[in-house]
Amino acid sequence: MKYLKLASMMAAATLTAQVAVAQERFITIGTGGQTGVYFVVGQSICRLVNRGTAEHNLKCTAPSTGGSIANINAIKAGDMDMGVAQSDWQFHAFNGSSEFEGAGYDKLRAVFSVHGEPFTVVARADSGVATFDDLFGKRVNVGNPGSGQRATMDVVLGAMGKSADDFALASELKPAEQSAALGDNKVDAIIYTVGHPNGSIQEATSTVDARLVDVTGEAIDKLVSERPYYAKATIPGGLYSGNDNDTQTFGVKATFVTSADVADDVVYTVVKAVFDNFDRFKGLHPAFANLSEEEMIADGLSAPLHPGAAQYYKERGWIE
């Protein structure tokens, strides 16, 4: 009888474990290159979600991806549940404009915004590049296809009446590759729409004498005035070797998005994991240090708010 009782208990334990496993749900968050802040955003959110897996049975992974546009397309295809995207590409995806003309995604839903992302140009000191206009005729890494930085670069060029053909070379390296290319003198300048401080920019400015370049002028002023998802931005001096002065440019917000098809309770759980542990989240990267709840639930969000996110914000009294 003792052995029968033990066997029965073991069987019950096995069944309980199987039921627990069966109840586990998995979500995937699209990020960006491993040297960028998008990757840290996804990894940080997953870290906070996975701390509570025993309670909500939700498990999260955040692989490196091609960036904003790739993430939105993956969400649209059902290959990913959530992702990080620049605020401008959230706008365009939902409204079916720019890169998403004829391929809009009206099921795209906003969750929250994260850090600001200045459009950043870094040029070798020996390249002769002192202004953005000096880039034309030079070797420039415009970014990999599918990335927000590449698409934003195309917008800037269009606003200036230029194209990638106006560069001596327009390389399409990923963020993880571009700093080494700058240091090896394979390109004269690199472009990155990213939060600061950033590891890739630190690598670029520490391995070779390089300068951050102002991105200003009438074309930029017009872009900012006409498009609500853009804003003037300043990269503080002193963040990078050899760059003691502030750099004037413009930028977007990093935003966290999902699909209307993702269950309300899943989005609610993710949002709760972040904002119930907000101080912990802010400590996971220097770019998060000055985040505020008020700005994160409002700024840069042009797609409708997902009901799961709205539920949490209402419970906290942040929205009505």
Protein backbone atom coordinates (compact mmCIF):
# COMPACT_ATOMS: atom_id res chain seq x y z
CA MET A 1 0.00 0.00 0.00
CA LYS A 2 2.86 2.33 0.82
CA TYR A 3 4.29 1.89 -2.67
CA LEU A 4 0.87 2.42 -4.26
CA LYS A 5 0.42 5.63 -2.29
CA LEU A 6 3.88 6.84 -3.33
CA ALA A 7 3.18 6.01 -6.97
CA SER A 8 -0.13 7.82 -6.77
CA MET A 9 1.54 10.90 -5.31
CA MET A 10 4.20 10.87 -8.02
CA ALA A 11 1.58 10.56 -10.72
CA ALA A 12 -0.36 13.46 -9.25
CA ALA A 13 2.80 15.58 -9.09
CA THR A 14 3.60 14.75 -12.72
CA LEU A 15 0.07 15.68 -13.79
CA THR A 16 0.28 18.96 -11.88
CA ALA A 17 3.58 19.78 -13.58
CA GLN A 18 2.12 18.95 -16.99
CA VAL A 19 -0.86 21.21 -16.34
CA ALA A 20 1.48 24.03 -15.25
CA VAL A 21 3.56 23.64 -18.40
CA ALA A 22 0.42 23.55 -20.51
CA GLN A 23 -0.68 26.84 -19.00
CA GLU A 24 2.60 28.59 -19.80
CA ARG A 25 2.36 31.17 -22.55
CA PHE A 26 5.25 32.56 -24.53
CA ILE A 27 5.68 36.01 -26.03
CA THR A 28 8.39 37.32 -28.32
CA ILE A 29 9.50 40.94 -28.42
CA GLY A 30 11.27 42.34 -31.49
CA THR A 31 14.24 44.57 -30.65
CA GLY A 32 17.17 45.70 -32.81
CA GLY A 33 20.92 45.23 -33.12
CA GLN A 34 22.71 43.88 -30.04
CA THR A 35 24.72 47.09 -29.60
CA GLY A 36 21.62 49.30 -29.65
CA VAL A 37 19.24 50.42 -26.91
CA TYR A 38 16.27 48.62 -28.54
CA PHE A 39 17.89 45.32 -27.65
CA VAL A 40 18.26 46.50 -24.05
CA VAL A 41 14.62 47.64 -23.99
CA GLY A 42 13.36 44.22 -25.04
CA GLN A 43 15.73 42.32 -22.77
CA SER A 44 14.82 44.57 -19.82
CA ILE A 45 11.08 44.13 -20.31
CA CYS A 46 11.52 40.37 -20.58
CA ARG A 47 13.65 40.30 -17.45
CA LEU A 48 10.87 41.99 -15.46
CA VAL A 49 8.15 39.81 -16.98
CA ASN A 50 10.07 36.60 -16.34
CA ARG A 51 10.60 37.51 -12.68
CA GLY A 52 6.88 36.87 -12.22
CA THR A 53 6.47 33.79 -14.42
CA ALA A 54 5.57 31.61 -11.43
CA GLU A 55 2.55 33.86 -10.83
CA HIS A 56 1.28 34.60 -14.34
CA ASN A 57 2.83 31.75 -16.39
CA LEU A 58 4.02 34.17 -19.05
CA LYS A 59 7.53 33.71 -20.48
CA CYS A 60 9.23 36.30 -22.60
CA THR A 61 12.09 36.30 -25.11
CA ALA A 62 13.56 39.29 -26.95
CA PRO A 63 15.86 38.32 -29.85
CA SER A 64 17.95 40.74 -31.87
CA THR A 65 16.17 41.88 -35.06
CA GLY A 66 16.51 44.29 -37.97
CA GLY A 67 14.82 47.12 -36.07
CA SER A 68 11.65 49.21 -36.23
CA ILE A 69 10.15 48.34 -39.60
CA ALA A 70 11.17 44.70 -39.37
CA ASN A 71 9.51 44.49 -35.94
CA ILE A 72 6.24 46.01 -37.13
CA ASN A 73 6.15 43.70 -40.14
CA ALA A 74 6.83 40.70 -37.89
CA ILE A 75 3.98 41.73 -35.56
CA LYS A 76 1.70 42.13 -38.59
CA ALA A 77 2.68 38.66 -39.84
CA GLY A 78 2.07 37.13 -36.41
CA ASP A 79 5.71 36.14 -36.02
CA MET A 80 6.17 38.39 -32.98
CA ASP A 81 3.79 39.58 -30.30
CA MET A 82 5.34 42.94 -29.48
CA GLY A 83 8.25 45.07 -30.55
CA VAL A 84 10.16 48.32 -30.27
CA ALA A 85 9.74 50.88 -33.04
CA GLN A 86 10.53 54.51 -33.69
CA SER A 87 7.55 56.81 -33.16
CA ASP A 88 7.58 57.88 -36.82
CA TRP A 89 7.28 54.32 -38.06
CA GLN A 90 4.49 53.61 -35.60
CA PHE A 91 2.66 56.56 -37.18
CA HIS A 92 3.35 55.48 -40.74
CA ALA A 93 2.46 51.83 -40.14
CA PHE A 94 -0.91 52.65 -38.62
CA ASN A 95 -1.73 55.31 -41.22
CA GLY A 96 -0.37 53.43 -44.23
CA SER A 97 2.03 56.18 -45.25
CA SER A 98 5.70 56.47 -46.26
CA GLU A 99 7.33 53.02 -46.24
CA PHE A 100 3.94 51.51 -45.37
CA GLU A 101 1.96 53.08 -48.22
CA GLY A 102 -0.45 50.43 -49.46
CA ALA A 103 0.64 48.12 -46.63
CA GLY A 104 -0.64 49.83 -43.51
CA TYR A 105 -1.48 47.90 -40.38
CA ASP A 106 -4.65 49.20 -38.72
CA LYS A 107 -4.38 46.55 -35.99
CA LEU A 108 -1.17 48.12 -34.69
CA ARG A 109 -1.59 49.21 -31.08
CA ALA A 110 0.54 51.45 -28.86
CA VAL A 111 1.63 50.29 -25.41
CA PHE A 112 4.05 52.97 -24.15
CA SER A 113 7.01 55.03 -25.29
CA VAL A 114 10.50 54.76 -23.90
CA HIS A 115 13.57 56.97 -24.44
CA GLY A 116 14.23 59.73 -26.92
CA GLU A 117 16.29 58.84 -29.99
CA PRO A 118 18.30 61.59 -31.66
CA PHE A 119 19.27 61.15 -35.31
CA THR A 120 23.02 60.80 -34.84
CA VAL A 121 25.83 61.33 -37.35
CA VAL A 122 29.39 60.35 -36.40
CA ALA A 123 32.23 61.20 -38.79
CA ARG A 124 35.95 60.51 -38.75
CA ALA A 125 37.88 63.67 -37.83
CA ASP A 126 40.11 63.19 -40.89
CA SER A 127 37.13 62.90 -43.28
CA GLY A 128 36.58 66.63 -43.67
CA VAL A 129 32.95 66.25 -42.55
CA ALA A 130 31.92 69.16 -40.30
CA THR A 131 28.26 69.52 -41.36
CA PHE A 132 25.62 67.18 -42.74
CA ASP A 133 26.05 68.66 -46.22
CA ASP A 134 29.70 67.60 -46.11
CA LEU A 135 28.57 63.95 -46.18
CA PHE A 136 27.68 64.13 -49.87
CA GLY A 137 30.50 62.66 -51.92
CA LYS A 138 31.73 60.69 -48.90
CA ARG A 139 31.47 57.04 -47.82
CA VAL A 140 28.49 56.78 -45.48
CA ASN A 141 26.82 53.86 -43.73
CA VAL A 142 23.12 54.57 -44.23
CA GLY A 143 21.95 51.55 -42.23
CA ASN A 144 20.55 48.11 -42.92
CA PRO A 145 17.27 47.69 -44.83
CA GLY A 146 14.33 47.28 -42.44
CA SER A 147 15.87 49.47 -39.76
CA GLY A 148 14.32 52.71 -38.56
CA GLN A 149 17.62 54.53 -38.98
CA ARG A 150 17.81 53.61 -42.67
CA ALA A 151 14.23 54.72 -43.28
CA THR A 152 14.75 57.97 -41.38
CA MET A 153 17.93 58.62 -43.35
CA ASP A 154 15.90 58.26 -46.55
CA VAL A 155 13.39 60.81 -45.20
CA VAL A 156 16.16 63.28 -44.40
CA LEU A 157 17.72 62.85 -47.83
CA GLY A 158 14.34 63.33 -49.49
CA ALA A 159 13.75 66.53 -47.52
CA MET A 160 17.09 67.82 -48.81
CA GLY A 161 16.39 66.83 -52.40
CA LYS A 162 19.11 64.20 -52.25
CA SER A 163 19.39 60.42 -52.34
CA ALA A 164 21.90 57.73 -51.38
CA ASP A 165 23.33 58.07 -54.89
CA ASP A 166 24.84 61.37 -53.77
CA PHE A 167 27.30 59.50 -51.54
CA ALA A 168 30.53 58.04 -52.89
CA LEU A 169 29.47 54.87 -51.09
CA ALA A 170 26.21 54.08 -49.28
CA SER A 171 26.92 50.97 -47.23
CA GLU A 172 24.17 48.99 -45.49
CA LEU A 173 25.94 47.67 -42.44
CA LYS A 174 24.06 46.76 -39.27
CA PRO A 175 24.66 48.77 -36.08
CA ALA A 176 26.96 46.08 -34.67
CA GLU A 177 29.23 46.37 -37.72
CA GLN A 178 29.35 50.10 -38.43
CA SER A 179 31.67 51.28 -35.65
CA ALA A 180 34.40 48.85 -36.70
CA ALA A 181 33.98 50.01 -40.31
CA LEU A 182 34.50 53.62 -39.20
CA GLY A 183 37.58 52.67 -37.22
CA ASP A 184 39.00 50.65 -40.12
CA ASN A 185 38.49 53.61 -42.49
CA LYS A 186 36.02 51.69 -44.64
CA VAL A 187 33.50 54.51 -44.24
CA ASP A 188 33.82 58.21 -43.45
CA ALA A 189 30.65 58.48 -41.38
CA ILE A 190 27.92 56.41 -39.78
CA ILE A 191 24.26 57.18 -39.10
CA TYR A 192 22.37 55.93 -36.07
CA THR A 193 18.95 56.86 -34.65
CA VAL A 194 19.48 55.78 -31.07
CA GLY A 195 19.24 56.65 -27.40
CA HIS A 196 22.32 57.99 -25.63
CA PRO A 197 24.75 57.06 -24.24
CA ASN A 198 25.17 54.20 -26.70
CA GLY A 199 27.80 51.47 -26.77
CA SER A 200 28.25 51.53 -30.54
CA ILE A 201 28.91 55.30 -30.55
CA GLN A 202 31.27 54.90 -27.60
CA GLU A 203 33.17 52.26 -29.56
CA ALA A 204 33.35 54.49 -32.63
CA THR A 205 34.65 57.53 -30.76
CA SER A 206 37.14 55.60 -28.64
CA THR A 207 38.77 53.60 -31.45
CA VAL A 208 39.26 56.54 -33.83
CA ASP A 209 39.20 60.32 -33.60
CA ALA A 210 35.56 60.96 -34.53
CA ARG A 211 33.07 63.79 -34.13
CA LEU A 212 29.30 63.97 -33.73
CA VAL A 213 27.87 66.21 -36.45
CA ASP A 214 25.02 68.72 -36.07
CA VAL A 215 21.95 67.94 -38.17
CA THR A 216 20.27 71.32 -38.57
CA GLY A 217 19.03 73.72 -41.23
CA GLU A 218 15.87 74.67 -43.13
CA ALA A 219 15.08 71.14 -44.33
CA ILE A 220 15.25 69.79 -40.77
CA ASP A 221 13.21 72.70 -39.42
CA LYS A 222 10.52 71.94 -41.99
CA LEU A 223 10.50 68.23 -41.15
CA VAL A 224 10.03 68.96 -37.46
CA SER A 225 7.30 71.56 -38.03
CA GLU A 226 5.30 69.37 -40.42
CA ARG A 227 5.58 66.00 -38.67
CA PRO A 228 4.33 65.64 -35.09
CA TYR A 229 6.45 62.56 -34.38
CA TYR A 230 9.70 64.52 -34.82
CA ALA A 231 11.22 66.98 -32.36
CA LYS A 232 14.46 68.93 -32.00
CA ALA A 233 16.99 67.06 -29.87
CA THR A 234 20.30 67.72 -28.16
CA ILE A 235 22.99 65.12 -27.52
CA PRO A 236 24.80 66.36 -24.40
CA GLY A 237 28.51 67.04 -24.65
CA GLY A 238 30.85 64.88 -22.61
CA LEU A 239 29.16 61.56 -23.30
CA TYR A 240 31.78 60.48 -25.82
CA SER A 241 35.54 60.85 -26.14
CA GLY A 242 36.54 63.98 -28.07
CA ASN A 243 33.00 65.37 -28.08
CA ASP A 244 32.79 67.91 -25.28
CA ASN A 245 30.19 70.19 -26.88
CA ASP A 246 26.44 69.59 -27.28
CA THR A 247 25.31 68.28 -30.67
CA GLN A 248 22.12 69.75 -32.17
CA THR A 249 19.90 67.44 -34.19
CA PHE A 250 16.33 66.14 -34.27
CA GLY A 251 14.82 62.85 -33.26
CA VAL A 252 12.00 60.50 -32.44
CA LYS A 253 10.83 58.42 -29.50
CA ALA A 254 11.40 54.71 -29.08
CA THR A 255 7.94 53.19 -28.64
CA PHE A 256 6.68 49.79 -27.58
CA VAL A 257 3.94 48.40 -29.82
CA THR A 258 1.81 45.31 -30.27
CA SER A 259 -1.22 44.05 -32.20
CA ALA A 260 -4.92 44.24 -31.43
CA ASP A 261 -4.82 40.44 -31.80
CA VAL A 262 -2.64 40.02 -28.69
CA ALA A 263 -4.78 39.17 -25.65
CA ASP A 264 -5.60 41.99 -23.25
CA ASP A 265 -4.33 40.09 -20.21
CA VAL A 266 -0.97 39.44 -21.88
CA VAL A 267 -0.39 43.13 -22.60
CA TYR A 268 -1.67 44.04 -19.14
CA THR A 269 0.82 41.64 -17.54
CA VAL A 270 3.74 43.08 -19.51
CA VAL A 271 2.79 46.68 -18.71
CA LYS A 272 2.30 45.83 -15.04
CA ALA A 273 5.72 44.14 -14.90
CA VAL A 274 7.37 47.35 -16.17
CA PHE A 275 5.51 49.98 -14.16
CA ASP A 276 5.21 48.00 -10.92
CA ASN A 277 9.02 47.81 -11.06
CA PHE A 278 9.63 51.22 -12.57
CA ASP A 279 12.72 52.17 -10.55
CA ARG A 280 14.29 48.83 -11.39
CA PHE A 281 13.50 49.35 -15.08
CA LYS A 282 15.03 52.86 -15.08
CA GLY A 283 18.24 51.43 -13.65
CA LEU A 284 18.75 48.92 -16.45
CA HIS A 285 20.27 51.43 -18.91
CA PRO A 286 21.48 55.05 -18.68
CA ALA A 287 19.06 56.05 -21.47
CA PHE A 288 16.16 55.14 -19.15
CA ALA A 289 17.35 57.24 -16.20
CA ASN A 290 15.11 60.25 -16.81
CA LEU A 291 11.97 58.43 -17.93
CA SER A 292 8.65 59.41 -16.37
CA GLU A 293 5.38 57.47 -16.32
CA GLU A 294 3.46 60.52 -17.53
CA GLU A 295 5.54 60.93 -20.68
CA MET A 296 5.76 57.20 -21.42
CA ILE A 297 1.99 56.73 -21.64
CA ALA A 298 1.46 59.76 -23.90
CA ASP A 299 4.47 60.91 -25.93
CA GLY A 300 5.06 59.50 -29.40
CA LEU A 301 1.96 57.29 -29.42
CA SER A 302 0.01 57.71 -32.65
CA ALA A 303 -1.65 54.29 -32.87
CA PRO A 304 -4.61 53.54 -30.55
CA LEU A 305 -3.70 52.39 -27.05
CA HIS A 306 -4.04 48.64 -26.55
CA PRO A 307 -6.95 47.84 -24.16
CA GLY A 308 -4.64 45.79 -21.92
CA ALA A 309 -2.34 48.77 -21.46
CA ALA A 310 -5.28 51.13 -20.98
CA GLN A 311 -6.68 48.89 -18.24
CA TYR A 312 -3.48 49.16 -16.21
CA TYR A 313 -3.20 52.93 -16.71
CA LYS A 314 -6.82 53.38 -15.58
CA GLU A 315 -6.17 51.28 -12.48
CA ARG A 316 -3.25 53.56 -11.62
CA GLY A 317 -5.40 56.65 -12.19
CA TRP A 318 -3.18 57.87 -15.02
CA ILE A 319 -5.96 58.02 -17.62
CA GLU A 320 -9.74 58.11 -17.42
